[in-house]
Amino acid sequence: RNVHDNLLFVLKATGWTKSAQIKARIVEVL
């Protein structure tokens, strides 16, 4: 899976559910 989905996997596994917050956090850390 690509960079986005590598990070998405961790966020979902740790309880993140809101798409907008997930997207923003991935952009922020990258």
ModelCIF file with pLDDT and N, C-alpha, C, O atoms, coordinates in Angstrom:
data_MODEL
#
_entry.id   MODEL 
#
_entity.id                         1 
_entity.type                       polymer 
_entity.pdbx_number_of_molecules   1 
#
_entity_poly.entity_id                      1 
_entity_poly.type                           'polypeptide(L)' 
_entity_poly.nstd_linkage                   no 
_entity_poly.nstd_monomer                   no 
_entity_poly.pdbx_seq_one_letter_code       RNVHDNLLFVLKATGWTKSAQIKARIVEVL 
_entity_poly.pdbx_seq_one_letter_code_can   RNVHDNLLFVLKATGWTKSAQIKARIVEVL 
_entity_poly.pdbx_strand_id                 A 
#
loop_
_entity_poly_seq.entity_id 
_entity_poly_seq.num 
_entity_poly_seq.mon_id 
_entity_poly_seq.hetero 
1 1  ARG n 
1 2  ASN n 
1 3  VAL n 
1 4  HIS n 
1 5  ASP n 
1 6  ASN n 
1 7  LEU n 
1 8  LEU n 
1 9  PHE n 
1 10 VAL n 
1 11 LEU n 
1 12 LYS n 
1 13 ALA n 
1 14 THR n 
1 15 GLY n 
1 16 TRP n 
1 17 THR n 
1 18 LYS n 
1 19 SER n 
1 20 ALA n 
1 21 GLN n 
1 22 ILE n 
1 23 LYS n 
1 24 ALA n 
1 25 ARG n 
1 26 ILE n 
1 27 VAL n 
1 28 GLU n 
1 29 VAL n 
1 30 LEU n 
#
_struct_asym.id          A 
_struct_asym.entity_id   1 
#
loop_
_ma_qa_metric.id 
_ma_qa_metric.mode 
_ma_qa_metric.name 
_ma_qa_metric.software_group_id 
_ma_qa_metric.type 
1 global pLDDT . pLDDT 
2 local  pLDDT . pLDDT 
#
_ma_qa_metric_global.metric_id      1 
_ma_qa_metric_global.metric_value   95.47 
_ma_qa_metric_global.model_id       1 
_ma_qa_metric_global.ordinal_id     1 
#
loop_
_ma_qa_metric_local.label_asym_id 
_ma_qa_metric_local.label_comp_id 
_ma_qa_metric_local.label_seq_id 
_ma_qa_metric_local.metric_id 
_ma_qa_metric_local.metric_value 
_ma_qa_metric_local.model_id 
_ma_qa_metric_local.ordinal_id 
A ARG 1  2 97.00 1 1  
A ASN 2  2 97.00 1 2  
A VAL 3  2 97.00 1 3  
A HIS 4  2 97.00 1 4  
A ASP 5  2 97.00 1 5  
A ASN 6  2 97.00 1 6  
A LEU 7  2 97.00 1 7  
A LEU 8  2 97.00 1 8  
A PHE 9  2 96.00 1 9  
A VAL 10 2 94.00 1 10 
A LEU 11 2 95.00 1 11 
A LYS 12 2 94.00 1 12 
A ALA 13 2 91.00 1 13 
A THR 14 2 89.00 1 14 
A GLY 15 2 90.00 1 15 
A TRP 16 2 93.00 1 16 
A THR 17 2 94.00 1 17 
A LYS 18 2 95.00 1 18 
A SER 19 2 95.00 1 19 
A ALA 20 2 96.00 1 20 
A GLN 21 2 97.00 1 21 
A ILE 22 2 97.00 1 22 
A LYS 23 2 96.00 1 23 
A ALA 24 2 97.00 1 24 
A ARG 25 2 97.00 1 25 
A ILE 26 2 97.00 1 26 
A VAL 27 2 97.00 1 27 
A GLU 28 2 96.00 1 28 
A VAL 29 2 96.00 1 29 
A LEU 30 2 96.00 1 30 
#
loop_
_atom_site.group_PDB 
_atom_site.id 
_atom_site.type_symbol 
_atom_site.label_atom_id 
_atom_site.label_alt_id 
_atom_site.label_comp_id 
_atom_site.label_asym_id 
_atom_site.label_entity_id 
_atom_site.label_seq_id 
_atom_site.pdbx_PDB_ins_code 
_atom_site.Cartn_x 
_atom_site.Cartn_y 
_atom_site.Cartn_z 
_atom_site.occupancy 
_atom_site.B_iso_or_equiv 
_atom_site.pdbx_formal_charge 
_atom_site.auth_seq_id 
_atom_site.auth_comp_id 
_atom_site.auth_asym_id 
_atom_site.auth_atom_id 
_atom_site.pdbx_PDB_model_num 
ATOM 1   N N  . ARG A 1 1  ? 0.835   -1.202 0.000  1.00 97.00 ? 1  ARG A N  1 
ATOM 2   C CA . ARG A 1 1  ? 0.000   0.000  0.000  1.00 97.00 ? 1  ARG A CA 1 
ATOM 3   C C  . ARG A 1 1  ? 0.872   1.256  0.000  1.00 97.00 ? 1  ARG A C  1 
ATOM 4   O O  . ARG A 1 1  ? 2.019   1.233  0.447  1.00 97.00 ? 1  ARG A O  1 
ATOM 5   N N  . ASN A 1 2  ? 0.312   2.337  -0.505 1.00 97.00 ? 2  ASN A N  1 
ATOM 6   C CA . ASN A 1 2  ? 1.093   3.559  -0.660 1.00 97.00 ? 2  ASN A CA 1 
ATOM 7   C C  . ASN A 1 2  ? 1.301   4.260  0.689  1.00 97.00 ? 2  ASN A C  1 
ATOM 8   O O  . ASN A 1 2  ? 0.838   3.792  1.729  1.00 97.00 ? 2  ASN A O  1 
ATOM 9   N N  . VAL A 1 3  ? 2.010   5.393  0.641  1.00 97.00 ? 3  VAL A N  1 
ATOM 10  C CA . VAL A 1 3  ? 2.353   6.112  1.867  1.00 97.00 ? 3  VAL A CA 1 
ATOM 11  C C  . VAL A 1 3  ? 1.092   6.507  2.634  1.00 97.00 ? 3  VAL A C  1 
ATOM 12  O O  . VAL A 1 3  ? 1.019   6.307  3.847  1.00 97.00 ? 3  VAL A O  1 
ATOM 13  N N  . HIS A 1 4  ? 0.110   7.059  1.946  1.00 97.00 ? 4  HIS A N  1 
ATOM 14  C CA . HIS A 1 4  ? -1.138  7.457  2.580  1.00 97.00 ? 4  HIS A CA 1 
ATOM 15  C C  . HIS A 1 4  ? -1.783  6.280  3.303  1.00 97.00 ? 4  HIS A C  1 
ATOM 16  O O  . HIS A 1 4  ? -2.210  6.409  4.451  1.00 97.00 ? 4  HIS A O  1 
ATOM 17  N N  . ASP A 1 5  ? -1.853  5.148  2.640  1.00 97.00 ? 5  ASP A N  1 
ATOM 18  C CA . ASP A 1 5  ? -2.535  3.995  3.223  1.00 97.00 ? 5  ASP A CA 1 
ATOM 19  C C  . ASP A 1 5  ? -1.736  3.334  4.337  1.00 97.00 ? 5  ASP A C  1 
ATOM 20  O O  . ASP A 1 5  ? -2.316  2.707  5.224  1.00 97.00 ? 5  ASP A O  1 
ATOM 21  N N  . ASN A 1 6  ? -0.406  3.467  4.303  1.00 97.00 ? 6  ASN A N  1 
ATOM 22  C CA . ASN A 1 6  ? 0.395   3.012  5.440  1.00 97.00 ? 6  ASN A CA 1 
ATOM 23  C C  . ASN A 1 6  ? 0.035   3.800  6.695  1.00 97.00 ? 6  ASN A C  1 
ATOM 24  O O  . ASN A 1 6  ? -0.090  3.232  7.780  1.00 97.00 ? 6  ASN A O  1 
ATOM 25  N N  . LEU A 1 7  ? -0.127  5.093  6.540  1.00 97.00 ? 7  LEU A N  1 
ATOM 26  C CA . LEU A 1 7  ? -0.469  5.938  7.682  1.00 97.00 ? 7  LEU A CA 1 
ATOM 27  C C  . LEU A 1 7  ? -1.931  5.765  8.078  1.00 97.00 ? 7  LEU A C  1 
ATOM 28  O O  . LEU A 1 7  ? -2.269  5.777  9.262  1.00 97.00 ? 7  LEU A O  1 
ATOM 29  N N  . LEU A 1 8  ? -2.791  5.605  7.084  1.00 97.00 ? 8  LEU A N  1 
ATOM 30  C CA . LEU A 1 8  ? -4.217  5.378  7.336  1.00 97.00 ? 8  LEU A CA 1 
ATOM 31  C C  . LEU A 1 8  ? -4.424  4.121  8.179  1.00 97.00 ? 8  LEU A C  1 
ATOM 32  O O  . LEU A 1 8  ? -5.257  4.107  9.085  1.00 97.00 ? 8  LEU A O  1 
ATOM 33  N N  . PHE A 1 9  ? -3.668  3.076  7.880  1.00 96.00 ? 9  PHE A N  1 
ATOM 34  C CA . PHE A 1 9  ? -3.778  1.807  8.613  1.00 96.00 ? 9  PHE A CA 1 
ATOM 35  C C  . PHE A 1 9  ? -3.563  2.026  10.113 1.00 96.00 ? 9  PHE A C  1 
ATOM 36  O O  . PHE A 1 9  ? -4.300  1.485  10.938 1.00 96.00 ? 9  PHE A O  1 
ATOM 37  N N  . VAL A 1 10 ? -2.550  2.820  10.454 1.00 94.00 ? 10 VAL A N  1 
ATOM 38  C CA . VAL A 1 10 ? -2.238  3.072  11.867 1.00 94.00 ? 10 VAL A CA 1 
ATOM 39  C C  . VAL A 1 10 ? -3.338  3.893  12.526 1.00 94.00 ? 10 VAL A C  1 
ATOM 40  O O  . VAL A 1 10 ? -3.756  3.594  13.645 1.00 94.00 ? 10 VAL A O  1 
ATOM 41  N N  . LEU A 1 11 ? -3.804  4.921  11.836 1.00 95.00 ? 11 LEU A N  1 
ATOM 42  C CA . LEU A 1 11 ? -4.847  5.766  12.424 1.00 95.00 ? 11 LEU A CA 1 
ATOM 43  C C  . LEU A 1 11 ? -6.125  4.980  12.684 1.00 95.00 ? 11 LEU A C  1 
ATOM 44  O O  . LEU A 1 11 ? -6.733  5.114  13.747 1.00 95.00 ? 11 LEU A O  1 
ATOM 45  N N  . LYS A 1 12 ? -6.531  4.169  11.727 1.00 94.00 ? 12 LYS A N  1 
ATOM 46  C CA . LYS A 1 12 ? -7.747  3.376  11.918 1.00 94.00 ? 12 LYS A CA 1 
ATOM 47  C C  . LYS A 1 12 ? -7.563  2.355  13.037 1.00 94.00 ? 12 LYS A C  1 
ATOM 48  O O  . LYS A 1 12 ? -8.487  2.093  13.807 1.00 94.00 ? 12 LYS A O  1 
ATOM 49  N N  . ALA A 1 13 ? -6.357  1.778  13.120 1.00 91.00 ? 13 ALA A N  1 
ATOM 50  C CA . ALA A 1 13 ? -6.087  0.776  14.153 1.00 91.00 ? 13 ALA A CA 1 
ATOM 51  C C  . ALA A 1 13 ? -6.087  1.391  15.551 1.00 91.00 ? 13 ALA A C  1 
ATOM 52  O O  . ALA A 1 13 ? -6.286  0.688  16.542 1.00 91.00 ? 13 ALA A O  1 
ATOM 53  N N  . THR A 1 14 ? -5.863  2.704  15.628 1.00 89.00 ? 14 THR A N  1 
ATOM 54  C CA . THR A 1 14 ? -5.820  3.371  16.935 1.00 89.00 ? 14 THR A CA 1 
ATOM 55  C C  . THR A 1 14 ? -7.066  4.218  17.186 1.00 89.00 ? 14 THR A C  1 
ATOM 56  O O  . THR A 1 14 ? -7.068  5.092  18.053 1.00 89.00 ? 14 THR A O  1 
ATOM 57  N N  . GLY A 1 15 ? -8.116  3.955  16.425 1.00 90.00 ? 15 GLY A N  1 
ATOM 58  C CA . GLY A 1 15 ? -9.414  4.512  16.771 1.00 90.00 ? 15 GLY A CA 1 
ATOM 59  C C  . GLY A 1 15 ? -9.869  5.762  16.052 1.00 90.00 ? 15 GLY A C  1 
ATOM 60  O O  . GLY A 1 15 ? -10.921 6.308  16.383 1.00 90.00 ? 15 GLY A O  1 
ATOM 61  N N  . TRP A 1 16 ? -9.103  6.236  15.071 1.00 93.00 ? 16 TRP A N  1 
ATOM 62  C CA . TRP A 1 16 ? -9.540  7.404  14.317 1.00 93.00 ? 16 TRP A CA 1 
ATOM 63  C C  . TRP A 1 16 ? -10.659 6.993  13.360 1.00 93.00 ? 16 TRP A C  1 
ATOM 64  O O  . TRP A 1 16 ? -10.561 5.960  12.699 1.00 93.00 ? 16 TRP A O  1 
ATOM 65  N N  . THR A 1 17 ? -11.715 7.791  13.286 1.00 94.00 ? 17 THR A N  1 
ATOM 66  C CA . THR A 1 17 ? -12.867 7.428  12.446 1.00 94.00 ? 17 THR A CA 1 
ATOM 67  C C  . THR A 1 17 ? -13.316 8.532  11.487 1.00 94.00 ? 17 THR A C  1 
ATOM 68  O O  . THR A 1 17 ? -13.935 8.231  10.466 1.00 94.00 ? 17 THR A O  1 
ATOM 69  N N  . LYS A 1 18 ? -13.026 9.779  11.782 1.00 95.00 ? 18 LYS A N  1 
ATOM 70  C CA . LYS A 1 18 ? -13.522 10.887 10.973 1.00 95.00 ? 18 LYS A CA 1 
ATOM 71  C C  . LYS A 1 18 ? -12.590 11.176 9.800  1.00 95.00 ? 18 LYS A C  1 
ATOM 72  O O  . LYS A 1 18 ? -11.418 11.499 9.993  1.00 95.00 ? 18 LYS A O  1 
ATOM 73  N N  . SER A 1 19 ? -13.114 11.059 8.598  1.00 95.00 ? 19 SER A N  1 
ATOM 74  C CA . SER A 1 19 ? -12.307 11.148 7.377  1.00 95.00 ? 19 SER A CA 1 
ATOM 75  C C  . SER A 1 19 ? -11.546 12.463 7.277  1.00 95.00 ? 19 SER A C  1 
ATOM 76  O O  . SER A 1 19 ? -10.376 12.469 6.895  1.00 95.00 ? 19 SER A O  1 
ATOM 77  N N  . ALA A 1 20 ? -12.183 13.562 7.609  1.00 96.00 ? 20 ALA A N  1 
ATOM 78  C CA . ALA A 1 20 ? -11.535 14.871 7.484  1.00 96.00 ? 20 ALA A CA 1 
ATOM 79  C C  . ALA A 1 20 ? -10.360 14.991 8.442  1.00 96.00 ? 20 ALA A C  1 
ATOM 80  O O  . ALA A 1 20 ? -9.314  15.526 8.077  1.00 96.00 ? 20 ALA A O  1 
ATOM 81  N N  . GLN A 1 21 ? -10.525 14.498 9.665  1.00 97.00 ? 21 GLN A N  1 
ATOM 82  C CA . GLN A 1 21 ? -9.434  14.543 10.645 1.00 97.00 ? 21 GLN A CA 1 
ATOM 83  C C  . GLN A 1 21 ? -8.286  13.631 10.237 1.00 97.00 ? 21 GLN A C  1 
ATOM 84  O O  . GLN A 1 21 ? -7.117  13.983 10.399 1.00 97.00 ? 21 GLN A O  1 
ATOM 85  N N  . ILE A 1 22 ? -8.622  12.460 9.707  1.00 97.00 ? 22 ILE A N  1 
ATOM 86  C CA . ILE A 1 22 ? -7.605  11.518 9.238  1.00 97.00 ? 22 ILE A CA 1 
ATOM 87  C C  . ILE A 1 22 ? -6.788  12.135 8.107  1.00 97.00 ? 22 ILE A C  1 
ATOM 88  O O  . ILE A 1 22 ? -5.558  12.087 8.125  1.00 97.00 ? 22 ILE A O  1 
ATOM 89  N N  . LYS A 1 23 ? -7.466  12.707 7.136  1.00 96.00 ? 23 LYS A N  1 
ATOM 90  C CA . LYS A 1 23 ? -6.791  13.322 5.999  1.00 96.00 ? 23 LYS A CA 1 
ATOM 91  C C  . LYS A 1 23 ? -5.875  14.448 6.451  1.00 96.00 ? 23 LYS A C  1 
ATOM 92  O O  . LYS A 1 23 ? -4.734  14.546 6.000  1.00 96.00 ? 23 LYS A O  1 
ATOM 93  N N  . ALA A 1 24 ? -6.373  15.296 7.342  1.00 97.00 ? 24 ALA A N  1 
ATOM 94  C CA . ALA A 1 24 ? -5.589  16.432 7.824  1.00 97.00 ? 24 ALA A CA 1 
ATOM 95  C C  . ALA A 1 24 ? -4.356  15.971 8.589  1.00 97.00 ? 24 ALA A C  1 
ATOM 96  O O  . ALA A 1 24 ? -3.282  16.557 8.454  1.00 97.00 ? 24 ALA A O  1 
ATOM 97  N N  . ARG A 1 25 ? -4.510  14.913 9.399  1.00 97.00 ? 25 ARG A N  1 
ATOM 98  C CA . ARG A 1 25 ? -3.378  14.445 10.198 1.00 97.00 ? 25 ARG A CA 1 
ATOM 99  C C  . ARG A 1 25 ? -2.298  13.832 9.311  1.00 97.00 ? 25 ARG A C  1 
ATOM 100 O O  . ARG A 1 25 ? -1.108  14.036 9.551  1.00 97.00 ? 25 ARG A O  1 
ATOM 101 N N  . ILE A 1 26 ? -2.702  13.089 8.299  1.00 97.00 ? 26 ILE A N  1 
ATOM 102 C CA . ILE A 1 26 ? -1.725  12.499 7.386  1.00 97.00 ? 26 ILE A CA 1 
ATOM 103 C C  . ILE A 1 26 ? -0.936  13.590 6.667  1.00 97.00 ? 26 ILE A C  1 
ATOM 104 O O  . ILE A 1 26 ? 0.286   13.502 6.550  1.00 97.00 ? 26 ILE A O  1 
ATOM 105 N N  . VAL A 1 27 ? -1.623  14.599 6.196  1.00 97.00 ? 27 VAL A N  1 
ATOM 106 C CA . VAL A 1 27 ? -0.942  15.721 5.530  1.00 97.00 ? 27 VAL A CA 1 
ATOM 107 C C  . VAL A 1 27 ? 0.001   16.422 6.507  1.00 97.00 ? 27 VAL A C  1 
ATOM 108 O O  . VAL A 1 27 ? 1.108   16.813 6.138  1.00 97.00 ? 27 VAL A O  1 
ATOM 109 N N  . GLU A 1 28 ? -0.444  16.577 7.746  1.00 96.00 ? 28 GLU A N  1 
ATOM 110 C CA . GLU A 1 28 ? 0.348   17.287 8.751  1.00 96.00 ? 28 GLU A CA 1 
ATOM 111 C C  . GLU A 1 28 ? 1.668   16.574 9.041  1.00 96.00 ? 28 GLU A C  1 
ATOM 112 O O  . GLU A 1 28 ? 2.726   17.204 9.051  1.00 96.00 ? 28 GLU A O  1 
ATOM 113 N N  . VAL A 1 29 ? 1.608   15.257 9.279  1.00 96.00 ? 29 VAL A N  1 
ATOM 114 C CA . VAL A 1 29 ? 2.851   14.553 9.633  1.00 96.00 ? 29 VAL A CA 1 
ATOM 115 C C  . VAL A 1 29 ? 3.775   14.407 8.425  1.00 96.00 ? 29 VAL A C  1 
ATOM 116 O O  . VAL A 1 29 ? 4.996   14.456 8.575  1.00 96.00 ? 29 VAL A O  1 
ATOM 117 N N  . LEU A 1 30 ? 3.211   14.228 7.234  1.00 96.00 ? 30 LEU A N  1 
ATOM 118 C CA . LEU A 1 30 ? 4.068   14.144 6.046  1.00 96.00 ? 30 LEU A CA 1 
ATOM 119 C C  . LEU A 1 30 ? 4.754   15.474 5.773  1.00 96.00 ? 30 LEU A C  1 
ATOM 120 O O  . LEU A 1 30 ? 5.514   15.591 4.812  1.00 96.00 ? 30 LEU A O  1 
#
